[in-house]
Amino acid sequence: MLFGLGMISLFTGHMSSHLEWYSHRFVNRSLYSSLSLADFGGRAPIDIWKSKYSNHFYGCSQRGPRFPPAKRERSSNGYLLIATSGGLNQQRTGITDAVIVARILNATLVVPQLDHHSFWKDDSNFVDIFDVNWFISFLAKDVTIVKRVPDKFMRSMDKPPYTMRVPRKSAPDYYLDQVLPILSRRRVLQLTKFDYRLANDLEQELQKLRCRVNYHALRFTKPIRELGQKLVMRMRNMATHFIAVHLRFEPDMLAFSGCYYGGGEKERYELGEIRKRWATLPDLSPDGERKRGKCPLTPHEVGLMLRALGFANDTFLYVASGEIYGGEETLRPLRELFPNFYTKEMLANEELKPFLPFSSRLAAIDYIVCDESDVFVTNNNGNMAKILAGRRRYMGHKRTIRPNAKRLSALFMARDKMDWDTFSKKVKSCQRGFMGEPDEMRPGRGEFHEFPHSCICEKSIEDLEDGDHVDNSEHVATDLITKV
């Protein structure tokens, strides 16, 4: 019977849903493999608001029974100081990996220091953005964390703390071979520029710890959470569903990308001056970068993509962004395509004032609204896009749309040569595999912060048939944490 079904699939390109389900009863196969059948690989229409397979998966990051408890402060190998790098979400990856490194080294982690010298010039400390007491207590069974090295211990030291920078994406063996001897000898060690300094691929228990840190322990301070949730409720009061778009069309992003958007010598000069901040950036061909899919879409192109996918003119948009290059003139075409256009500044006027001097706190508010949206649209594969895409997968594969910029760039250049129906059909074809479906990346592949496969479990066929809720107390806890 199964051979016959396979032959039908071979010749028709798809298998009827009841036959596919029937085969599940006899073959022990992963849902990940079954999802690559007709619904995603063929021509079946995609629900633009929600993946029909999202209820097949749930976040699971509970520690295993053989995962030893954390080393207490007095018996640890010393104190690990971490200096993170970049903006909010880049620092978030550094904080997450700092916990794992402390675990690998059996070290006591000191609450990480945030970068005050990045492009965003935000002098916020950890306690200004994250709930530090929750962070320490939630991870107490995994890693011992303290707010500072004890003064008594610091006064007894012969030398100041040793400082070093490890190579990017270093394996656990590097930390054990190169870092641990120094920590054991000096007792206090600082790692600087700490972002993406730990390997992507780790053993499963450490990967799950990464998820516990990122999706549970790192919650924002109460003022940030409260304002973020107010903005979510204001969007919900206006519309049943809404899209959050992370435009990432700020001057620094465009300068870093090396792309060109038709602004003439003025644009070339302005972005060229910003580009001088990065002395090691190579000379790039703007046309070549666009053809390779390395250029963020313009706000107008983002709007055209969404309308072509099927989002109507009356869809509500929340736009998360800093300073848009070109200002209102650049945003006008997107507003015309989606008049129900909102930003945090529009939704919270006076309430936003205490946060305005702090770019990371503003980014945290955007993070909350984007996380709670029905659909999240990224515009480049940067830190916020990766972090939120991973979180939304962990939280039940909420729809996350990532533009297939490589294929879309050619399509946008030729859009005046085709009618709207043809353009829409081609956009839908381009975006297959970029809509946040569970099968878009095979387990074990891709950047872990974006594809946290080790922390995502499949519901059994019996649970799906019976409609049973899979008990996942940590998953529920995360929902509660973000809404408190």
Foldseek 3Di string as FASTA:
>chain_A
DVVVQVVVCVVPQAGDPVVLLVVVVPDPDDPLVVVCGCVQVHPNAADQLFHPCLVQKAFFLDFDPPQAFADDAVPFLAEEEEEEDDFQLQSLQLQLVQLLLCLLLSHAYARYFYDCPYPLNFRDGLVQWWVVVLLQVLCNRRHHYHNDDDPVVCVPAPDHAAEDEADAQDESVCCVPPVNVSCNVRRYHYYYNRGNRHHQDDPLNSLSSSCCNQLPSGFTDPLLLVLLVLLLVVVCVVDVAAEEEAQPQDLLLQLLLLADDPPPPVNVVSSVVSVVVDVPRDHDDNVVSQLVLSGFDQLLLVLLLVVLSPDQQAHAYEYDYDQHVVHPVSNVNNCNSHVNYHYSCRSDPPSCVVVVSGPNSSVSSSLLNNLPHSEYEYRHPDSSLQQSLLNCSNLRQRWYAYQLSNVVSVLVVCVVVDDSNVSSVVSNVRRSLRTRDPNSDDPPDDRCSNPVPSRMDGDDSVCVVVVPDDDHVSSVSSVVSSND
